[in-house]
Amino acid sequence: MAEFAAIARQEYLAVGIRVALHPQIDLATEPRWGRMNSTFGEDAALSAKLTYGYIKGFQGDSMGVNSVACMTKHFPGGGPQKEGIDPISRFKKARSIPETISTII
């Protein structure tokens, strides 16, 4: 993952992009959720490892002139909700934090 991100970082820098609005680090705990395909999956430990490599590849060991800043999203518990509803949905269903997430935070 770090190698992929380092290559992408070079491409971003070549065209002047300095901030990446990713990665999306929500856990894919609800198959009906529309953003599930842009996560690193449902396994919290694996997702954490992939996220670490991703950010390290984009930002490097420390932020500098050859870094692309990553904006990770979303806040814990801001991912898939009850019945697969997006947390910003107009339906405003009750939010719930899956057990796999609540043990981390």
N, C-alpha and C. Protein backbone atom coordinates (compact mmCIF):
# COMPACT_ATOMS: atom_id res chain seq x y z
N MET A 1 0.83 -1.19 0.00
CA MET A 1 0.00 0.00 0.00
C MET A 1 0.87 1.25 0.00
N ALA A 2 1.94 1.24 0.80
CA ALA A 2 2.82 2.41 0.86
C ALA A 2 3.47 2.68 -0.49
N GLU A 3 3.83 1.62 -1.20
CA GLU A 3 4.45 1.79 -2.52
C GLU A 3 3.45 2.40 -3.52
N PHE A 4 2.21 1.90 -3.51
CA PHE A 4 1.17 2.48 -4.36
C PHE A 4 0.99 3.97 -4.07
N ALA A 5 0.87 4.30 -2.78
CA ALA A 5 0.63 5.68 -2.38
C ALA A 5 1.82 6.58 -2.73
N ALA A 6 3.04 6.06 -2.63
CA ALA A 6 4.23 6.85 -2.97
C ALA A 6 4.25 7.16 -4.47
N ILE A 7 3.82 6.21 -5.29
CA ILE A 7 3.74 6.46 -6.74
C ILE A 7 2.66 7.48 -7.04
N ALA A 8 1.50 7.32 -6.39
CA ALA A 8 0.41 8.28 -6.58
C ALA A 8 0.84 9.68 -6.11
N ARG A 9 1.60 9.74 -5.02
CA ARG A 9 2.10 11.03 -4.51
C ARG A 9 2.95 11.73 -5.57
N GLN A 10 3.82 11.00 -6.23
CA GLN A 10 4.66 11.59 -7.28
C GLN A 10 3.79 12.13 -8.42
N GLU A 11 2.75 11.41 -8.77
CA GLU A 11 1.84 11.88 -9.82
C GLU A 11 1.09 13.13 -9.38
N TYR A 12 0.64 13.15 -8.13
CA TYR A 12 -0.05 14.33 -7.59
C TYR A 12 0.87 15.54 -7.63
N LEU A 13 2.09 15.38 -7.13
CA LEU A 13 3.03 16.49 -7.09
C LEU A 13 3.38 16.99 -8.49
N ALA A 14 3.43 16.09 -9.46
CA ALA A 14 3.77 16.47 -10.84
C ALA A 14 2.75 17.44 -11.44
N VAL A 15 1.51 17.35 -10.97
CA VAL A 15 0.48 18.26 -11.49
C VAL A 15 0.07 19.33 -10.47
N GLY A 16 0.80 19.41 -9.35
CA GLY A 16 0.59 20.48 -8.39
C GLY A 16 -0.43 20.21 -7.30
N ILE A 17 -0.86 18.98 -7.14
CA ILE A 17 -1.83 18.66 -6.08
C ILE A 17 -1.08 18.44 -4.78
N ARG A 18 -1.45 19.18 -3.75
CA ARG A 18 -0.75 19.11 -2.46
C ARG A 18 -1.60 18.53 -1.33
N VAL A 19 -2.92 18.38 -1.56
CA VAL A 19 -3.81 17.84 -0.54
C VAL A 19 -4.71 16.79 -1.18
N ALA A 20 -4.82 15.64 -0.54
CA ALA A 20 -5.68 14.56 -1.02
C ALA A 20 -6.87 14.42 -0.08
N LEU A 21 -8.06 14.45 -0.61
CA LEU A 21 -9.26 14.31 0.22
C LEU A 21 -9.60 12.83 0.40
N HIS A 22 -8.64 12.08 0.78
CA HIS A 22 -8.75 10.66 1.05
C HIS A 22 -7.57 10.24 1.90
N PRO A 23 -7.58 9.09 2.50
CA PRO A 23 -8.44 7.94 2.27
C PRO A 23 -9.72 7.98 3.10
N GLN A 24 -10.69 7.20 2.66
CA GLN A 24 -11.91 7.00 3.44
C GLN A 24 -11.64 5.78 4.30
N ILE A 25 -11.65 5.96 5.60
CA ILE A 25 -11.24 4.88 6.49
C ILE A 25 -12.40 4.27 7.27
N ASP A 26 -13.63 4.53 6.83
CA ASP A 26 -14.78 3.90 7.47
C ASP A 26 -14.69 2.38 7.28
N LEU A 27 -15.24 1.65 8.21
CA LEU A 27 -15.30 0.20 8.07
C LEU A 27 -16.56 -0.19 7.31
N ALA A 28 -16.43 -1.13 6.42
CA ALA A 28 -17.55 -1.58 5.58
C ALA A 28 -18.36 -2.62 6.36
N THR A 29 -19.16 -2.15 7.28
CA THR A 29 -19.91 -3.05 8.16
C THR A 29 -21.35 -3.25 7.71
N GLU A 30 -21.80 -2.53 6.72
CA GLU A 30 -23.19 -2.60 6.27
C GLU A 30 -23.21 -2.69 4.75
N PRO A 31 -23.54 -3.87 4.19
CA PRO A 31 -23.47 -4.05 2.74
C PRO A 31 -24.42 -3.17 1.93
N ARG A 32 -25.43 -2.60 2.55
CA ARG A 32 -26.35 -1.72 1.82
C ARG A 32 -25.86 -0.28 1.72
N TRP A 33 -24.77 0.03 2.42
CA TRP A 33 -24.24 1.40 2.44
C TRP A 33 -23.62 1.73 1.09
N GLY A 34 -23.97 2.84 0.54
CA GLY A 34 -23.54 3.23 -0.80
C GLY A 34 -22.06 3.55 -0.95
N ARG A 35 -21.35 3.79 0.12
CA ARG A 35 -19.93 4.15 0.03
C ARG A 35 -19.00 2.98 0.39
N MET A 36 -19.56 1.82 0.54
CA MET A 36 -18.79 0.67 0.97
C MET A 36 -17.61 0.36 0.05
N ASN A 37 -17.78 0.58 -1.23
CA ASN A 37 -16.74 0.23 -2.20
C ASN A 37 -15.50 1.11 -2.12
N SER A 38 -15.54 2.19 -1.38
CA SER A 38 -14.36 3.05 -1.29
C SER A 38 -13.68 2.95 0.08
N THR A 39 -13.95 1.85 0.79
CA THR A 39 -13.29 1.61 2.08
C THR A 39 -12.20 0.57 1.90
N PHE A 40 -11.48 0.28 2.98
CA PHE A 40 -10.49 -0.80 2.97
C PHE A 40 -11.09 -2.10 3.49
N GLY A 41 -12.40 -2.17 3.65
CA GLY A 41 -13.06 -3.40 4.06
C GLY A 41 -13.64 -3.34 5.45
N GLU A 42 -14.00 -4.51 5.97
CA GLU A 42 -14.69 -4.59 7.26
C GLU A 42 -13.77 -4.95 8.42
N ASP A 43 -12.58 -5.39 8.13
CA ASP A 43 -11.64 -5.81 9.17
C ASP A 43 -10.91 -4.59 9.72
N ALA A 44 -11.14 -4.27 10.99
CA ALA A 44 -10.57 -3.05 11.58
C ALA A 44 -9.05 -3.07 11.62
N ALA A 45 -8.46 -4.22 11.97
CA ALA A 45 -7.00 -4.30 12.05
C ALA A 45 -6.36 -4.16 10.67
N LEU A 46 -6.90 -4.84 9.68
CA LEU A 46 -6.37 -4.74 8.32
C LEU A 46 -6.56 -3.33 7.77
N SER A 47 -7.71 -2.75 8.02
CA SER A 47 -7.98 -1.38 7.57
C SER A 47 -6.98 -0.41 8.17
N ALA A 48 -6.64 -0.60 9.45
CA ALA A 48 -5.67 0.28 10.11
C ALA A 48 -4.30 0.15 9.47
N LYS A 49 -3.87 -1.07 9.16
CA LYS A 49 -2.57 -1.28 8.51
C LYS A 49 -2.53 -0.65 7.12
N LEU A 50 -3.61 -0.84 6.36
CA LEU A 50 -3.66 -0.25 5.02
C LEU A 50 -3.68 1.27 5.08
N THR A 51 -4.42 1.81 6.03
CA THR A 51 -4.48 3.26 6.21
C THR A 51 -3.11 3.82 6.55
N TYR A 52 -2.40 3.16 7.43
CA TYR A 52 -1.06 3.60 7.82
C TYR A 52 -0.14 3.65 6.60
N GLY A 53 -0.10 2.58 5.82
CA GLY A 53 0.74 2.54 4.62
C GLY A 53 0.34 3.59 3.60
N TYR A 54 -0.95 3.80 3.44
CA TYR A 54 -1.48 4.78 2.50
C TYR A 54 -1.01 6.19 2.86
N ILE A 55 -1.20 6.55 4.12
CA ILE A 55 -0.81 7.88 4.56
C ILE A 55 0.70 8.05 4.53
N LYS A 56 1.43 7.04 4.95
CA LYS A 56 2.89 7.12 4.92
C LYS A 56 3.40 7.31 3.49
N GLY A 57 2.79 6.62 2.53
CA GLY A 57 3.20 6.77 1.14
C GLY A 57 2.92 8.15 0.59
N PHE A 58 1.82 8.75 0.97
CA PHE A 58 1.48 10.09 0.49
C PHE A 58 2.24 11.19 1.23
N GLN A 59 2.40 11.04 2.53
CA GLN A 59 2.98 12.11 3.33
C GLN A 59 4.47 11.92 3.62
N GLY A 60 4.97 10.69 3.55
CA GLY A 60 6.35 10.43 3.90
C GLY A 60 6.53 10.30 5.39
N ASP A 61 7.79 10.26 5.84
CA ASP A 61 8.07 10.13 7.27
C ASP A 61 7.68 11.39 8.05
N SER A 62 7.74 12.53 7.37
CA SER A 62 7.29 13.79 7.96
C SER A 62 6.81 14.68 6.82
N MET A 63 5.93 15.61 7.16
CA MET A 63 5.40 16.51 6.13
C MET A 63 6.49 17.44 5.64
N GLY A 64 6.57 17.61 4.33
CA GLY A 64 7.58 18.48 3.74
C GLY A 64 7.21 18.84 2.32
N VAL A 65 8.16 19.38 1.59
CA VAL A 65 7.90 19.85 0.22
C VAL A 65 7.56 18.71 -0.73
N ASN A 66 7.92 17.49 -0.40
CA ASN A 66 7.62 16.35 -1.25
C ASN A 66 6.46 15.51 -0.72
N SER A 67 5.65 16.11 0.13
CA SER A 67 4.51 15.40 0.73
C SER A 67 3.20 15.86 0.10
N VAL A 68 2.23 14.98 0.13
CA VAL A 68 0.85 15.32 -0.17
C VAL A 68 0.06 15.03 1.10
N ALA A 69 -0.57 16.05 1.66
CA ALA A 69 -1.32 15.89 2.91
C ALA A 69 -2.57 15.07 2.65
N CYS A 70 -2.85 14.13 3.54
CA CYS A 70 -4.05 13.30 3.44
C CYS A 70 -5.10 13.78 4.44
N MET A 71 -6.33 13.88 3.98
CA MET A 71 -7.44 14.19 4.87
C MET A 71 -8.27 12.92 5.02
N THR A 72 -8.02 12.21 6.11
CA THR A 72 -8.77 10.97 6.33
C THR A 72 -10.20 11.30 6.70
N LYS A 73 -11.10 10.44 6.27
CA LYS A 73 -12.49 10.62 6.59
C LYS A 73 -13.11 9.25 6.83
N HIS A 74 -13.99 9.19 7.65
CA HIS A 74 -14.84 10.13 8.35
C HIS A 74 -14.64 9.93 9.84
N PHE A 75 -15.25 10.78 10.62
CA PHE A 75 -15.16 10.65 12.07
C PHE A 75 -15.68 9.27 12.48
N PRO A 76 -15.06 8.60 13.47
CA PRO A 76 -15.56 7.29 13.90
C PRO A 76 -17.06 7.33 14.19
N GLY A 77 -17.76 6.40 13.61
CA GLY A 77 -19.21 6.36 13.75
C GLY A 77 -19.92 7.14 12.67
N GLY A 78 -19.18 7.77 11.78
CA GLY A 78 -19.78 8.55 10.70
C GLY A 78 -19.94 7.76 9.42
N GLY A 79 -19.65 6.49 9.46
CA GLY A 79 -19.76 5.63 8.28
C GLY A 79 -21.16 5.04 8.14
N PRO A 80 -21.24 3.78 7.77
CA PRO A 80 -22.55 3.16 7.54
C PRO A 80 -23.40 3.13 8.81
N GLN A 81 -24.66 3.42 8.65
CA GLN A 81 -25.58 3.48 9.77
C GLN A 81 -26.65 2.41 9.63
N LYS A 82 -27.57 2.42 10.54
CA LYS A 82 -28.68 1.46 10.57
C LYS A 82 -29.36 1.41 9.19
N GLU A 83 -29.58 0.22 8.69
CA GLU A 83 -30.25 -0.03 7.42
C GLU A 83 -29.47 0.49 6.22
N GLY A 84 -28.16 0.74 6.38
CA GLY A 84 -27.33 1.18 5.27
C GLY A 84 -27.48 2.64 4.90
N ILE A 85 -28.15 3.40 5.73
CA ILE A 85 -28.38 4.82 5.47
C ILE A 85 -27.08 5.59 5.70
N ASP A 86 -26.80 6.56 4.84
CA ASP A 86 -25.62 7.40 5.01
C ASP A 86 -25.85 8.30 6.23
N PRO A 87 -24.80 8.62 7.00
CA PRO A 87 -25.00 9.40 8.21
C PRO A 87 -25.52 10.82 7.96
N ILE A 88 -25.39 11.32 6.76
CA ILE A 88 -25.86 12.67 6.45
C ILE A 88 -27.22 12.62 5.75
N SER A 89 -27.83 11.47 5.79
CA SER A 89 -29.10 11.25 5.09
C SER A 89 -30.20 12.16 5.60
N ARG A 90 -31.09 12.51 4.71
CA ARG A 90 -32.23 13.34 5.10
C ARG A 90 -33.23 12.56 5.95
N PHE A 91 -33.08 11.23 5.97
CA PHE A 91 -34.00 10.40 6.75
C PHE A 91 -33.69 10.44 8.24
N LYS A 92 -32.46 10.85 8.59
CA LYS A 92 -32.04 11.05 9.99
C LYS A 92 -32.38 9.86 10.90
N LYS A 93 -32.07 8.68 10.44
CA LYS A 93 -32.28 7.50 11.29
C LYS A 93 -31.26 7.53 12.43
N ALA A 94 -31.51 6.77 13.45
CA ALA A 94 -30.61 6.74 14.61
C ALA A 94 -29.23 6.26 14.21
N ARG A 95 -28.21 6.95 14.68
CA ARG A 95 -26.84 6.53 14.43
C ARG A 95 -26.48 5.40 15.37
N SER A 96 -25.63 4.53 14.88
CA SER A 96 -25.13 3.45 15.73
C SER A 96 -23.67 3.22 15.39
N ILE A 97 -22.89 2.88 16.41
CA ILE A 97 -21.48 2.59 16.19
C ILE A 97 -21.30 1.08 16.35
N PRO A 98 -20.91 0.40 15.26
CA PRO A 98 -20.73 -1.04 15.36
C PRO A 98 -19.70 -1.41 16.42
N GLU A 99 -19.84 -2.59 17.00
CA GLU A 99 -18.94 -3.04 18.06
C GLU A 99 -17.49 -3.02 17.62
N THR A 100 -17.22 -3.34 16.35
CA THR A 100 -15.83 -3.36 15.87
C THR A 100 -15.19 -1.99 15.92
N ILE A 101 -15.99 -0.95 15.79
CA ILE A 101 -15.46 0.41 15.85
C ILE A 101 -15.38 0.88 17.30
N SER A 102 -16.41 0.61 18.07
CA SER A 102 -16.46 1.12 19.44
C SER A 102 -15.35 0.54 20.31
N THR A 103 -14.81 -0.61 19.95
CA THR A 103 -13.70 -1.16 20.73
C THR A 103 -12.40 -0.44 20.43
N ILE A 104 -12.33 0.25 19.30
CA ILE A 104 -11.11 0.97 18.91
C ILE A 104 -11.08 2.35 19.53
N ILE A 105 -12.24 3.04 19.57
CA ILE A 105 -12.26 4.43 20.03
C ILE A 105 -12.49 4.55 21.51
